[in-house]
Amino acid sequence: MSSIKKGDIIIICMIIIITVFGQYYLITQETGGQLRTIVLRVGQEEHVYKLSVDESRKIIFEFNEHLGTLHYKEGRIKMETMDREVCPKQICSKTGWIKYSNQSIVCLPNKIIVTIVNEKDDDFDTITFLEVSKI
């Protein structure tokens, strides 16, 4: 049985460091320019908002015969607290402000997803790649 050598430890540490920095880059990558693209998905419907970083506004949307509110300010967005009857754990509103590309606010009971999208991203993701590669 062989033991772990110094070289093995160095390789493992390098892999961990590269993985951590790669994830940090993906999470903190801001959208380019002075516009933010906010994608709101409610069930099967999708709404796209292109908002200025300097703009402040409320986005009111309807879902399951209820109203929800998003607050947009200084390039950040958050979900307003909903009634406990509508959203029992209120995880979506407890998420707080999001401001980086690829961050999301998710409300699973009501099938609501709010995402900041990076305009530089292609419409080509892993699932698309897998489906295309099956052809």
Protein backbone atom coordinates (compact mmCIF):
# COMPACT_ATOMS: atom_id res chain seq x y z
CA MET A 1 0.00 0.00 0.00
CA SER A 2 1.47 3.36 -0.98
CA SER A 3 1.32 6.46 1.16
CA ILE A 4 0.48 9.97 0.06
CA LYS A 5 3.56 11.77 -1.13
CA LYS A 6 4.44 15.46 -1.08
CA GLY A 7 3.71 15.76 -4.82
CA ASP A 8 0.21 14.28 -4.33
CA ILE A 9 -0.57 16.87 -1.67
CA ILE A 10 0.63 19.70 -3.93
CA ILE A 11 -1.57 18.48 -6.81
CA ILE A 12 -4.63 18.15 -4.55
CA CYS A 13 -4.06 21.65 -3.13
CA MET A 14 -3.70 23.12 -6.64
CA ILE A 15 -6.97 21.50 -7.75
CA ILE A 16 -8.78 22.87 -4.69
CA ILE A 17 -7.34 26.38 -5.20
CA ILE A 18 -8.27 26.44 -8.90
CA THR A 19 -11.79 25.22 -8.12
CA VAL A 20 -12.36 27.82 -5.38
CA PHE A 21 -11.07 30.72 -7.50
CA GLY A 22 -13.10 29.53 -10.51
CA GLN A 23 -16.31 29.45 -8.48
CA TYR A 24 -15.53 32.86 -6.95
CA TYR A 25 -15.02 34.33 -10.43
CA LEU A 26 -18.35 32.94 -11.69
CA ILE A 27 -20.26 34.22 -8.67
CA THR A 28 -18.75 37.71 -8.55
CA GLN A 29 -18.62 38.43 -12.27
CA GLU A 30 -20.69 41.58 -12.74
CA THR A 31 -22.66 42.32 -15.84
CA GLY A 32 -20.97 44.51 -18.39
CA GLY A 33 -21.92 48.13 -19.02
CA GLN A 34 -24.31 50.32 -17.11
CA LEU A 35 -27.37 48.10 -17.70
CA ARG A 36 -28.52 45.14 -15.64
CA THR A 37 -30.66 42.41 -17.12
CA ILE A 38 -33.09 40.94 -14.61
CA VAL A 39 -34.98 37.78 -15.60
CA LEU A 40 -38.17 37.03 -13.66
CA ARG A 41 -39.66 33.58 -14.19
CA VAL A 42 -43.11 32.91 -12.75
CA GLY A 43 -44.14 29.36 -13.57
CA GLN A 44 -43.77 29.06 -17.35
CA GLU A 45 -43.78 32.84 -18.00
CA GLU A 46 -40.55 34.77 -18.36
CA HIS A 47 -40.18 38.54 -18.08
CA VAL A 48 -36.93 40.35 -18.91
CA TYR A 49 -36.12 43.79 -17.53
CA LYS A 50 -33.15 45.85 -18.71
CA LEU A 51 -32.54 48.41 -16.00
CA SER A 52 -29.96 51.13 -15.52
CA VAL A 53 -27.59 50.72 -12.57
CA ASP A 54 -28.66 54.18 -11.35
CA GLU A 55 -32.38 53.39 -11.60
CA SER A 56 -34.60 52.63 -8.58
CA ARG A 57 -38.00 51.00 -8.99
CA LYS A 58 -40.47 48.41 -7.78
CA ILE A 59 -41.49 45.56 -10.03
CA ILE A 60 -44.91 44.19 -9.11
CA PHE A 61 -45.85 40.81 -10.57
CA GLU A 62 -48.77 38.42 -10.29
CA PHE A 63 -48.52 34.75 -9.35
CA ASN A 64 -51.14 32.23 -8.23
CA GLU A 65 -53.74 35.00 -7.72
CA HIS A 66 -51.32 36.92 -5.46
CA LEU A 67 -48.99 39.88 -5.99
CA GLY A 68 -45.25 39.91 -5.40
CA THR A 69 -42.88 42.85 -5.32
CA LEU A 70 -39.23 43.16 -6.28
CA HIS A 71 -37.18 46.15 -5.19
CA TYR A 72 -34.46 47.30 -7.61
CA LYS A 73 -31.94 49.90 -6.43
CA GLU A 74 -28.35 50.74 -7.43
CA GLY A 75 -27.93 47.60 -9.54
CA ARG A 76 -29.22 45.29 -6.78
CA ILE A 77 -32.54 43.51 -6.43
CA LYS A 78 -34.46 41.81 -3.61
CA MET A 79 -37.84 40.19 -3.02
CA GLU A 80 -40.27 41.88 -0.64
CA THR A 81 -41.57 39.72 2.21
CA MET A 82 -44.78 37.83 1.38
CA ASP A 83 -47.50 36.51 3.70
CA ARG A 84 -46.68 33.23 5.43
CA GLU A 85 -49.78 31.69 3.81
CA VAL A 86 -48.29 32.39 0.38
CA CYS A 87 -44.63 31.63 1.14
CA PRO A 88 -44.34 29.66 4.41
CA LYS A 89 -40.55 29.72 4.94
CA GLN A 90 -39.95 33.06 3.19
CA ILE A 91 -36.53 31.96 1.97
CA CYS A 92 -36.89 34.16 -1.12
CA SER A 93 -37.22 37.36 0.91
CA LYS A 94 -34.57 36.25 3.42
CA THR A 95 -32.11 35.90 0.53
CA GLY A 96 -31.77 39.69 0.64
CA TRP A 97 -30.11 41.81 -2.02
CA ILE A 98 -28.39 40.17 -4.97
CA LYS A 99 -26.12 42.16 -7.27
CA TYR A 100 -23.78 39.82 -9.13
CA SER A 101 -24.27 38.01 -12.39
CA ASN A 102 -25.75 34.50 -12.05
CA GLN A 103 -27.09 35.11 -8.54
CA SER A 104 -30.72 34.12 -8.04
CA ILE A 105 -33.63 34.51 -5.69
CA VAL A 106 -35.83 31.41 -5.70
CA CYS A 107 -39.30 30.80 -4.26
CA LEU A 108 -40.00 27.12 -4.78
CA PRO A 109 -43.59 26.97 -3.43
CA ASN A 110 -44.65 29.63 -5.95
CA LYS A 111 -42.28 28.67 -8.80
CA ILE A 112 -40.62 32.11 -8.92
CA ILE A 113 -37.01 32.66 -9.98
CA VAL A 114 -35.29 36.04 -10.20
CA THR A 115 -31.83 36.08 -11.80
CA ILE A 116 -29.28 38.68 -12.80
CA VAL A 117 -28.02 37.69 -16.23
CA ASN A 118 -24.65 38.48 -17.75
CA GLU A 119 -25.15 39.77 -21.29
CA LYS A 120 -21.86 38.16 -22.34
CA ASP A 121 -23.15 34.65 -21.56
CA ASP A 122 -24.11 32.51 -24.52
CA ASP A 123 -27.46 30.76 -24.66
CA PHE A 124 -25.48 27.52 -24.61
CA ASP A 125 -25.48 25.63 -21.33
CA THR A 126 -24.65 22.11 -20.17
CA ILE A 127 -28.16 20.79 -20.79
CA THR A 128 -28.20 22.29 -24.29
CA PHE A 129 -24.79 20.76 -24.93
CA LEU A 130 -25.93 17.32 -23.77
CA GLU A 131 -29.06 17.48 -25.94
CA VAL A 132 -27.09 18.59 -29.01
CA SER A 133 -24.43 15.94 -28.45
CA LYS A 134 -27.11 13.20 -28.52
CA ILE A 135 -28.01 14.09 -32.12
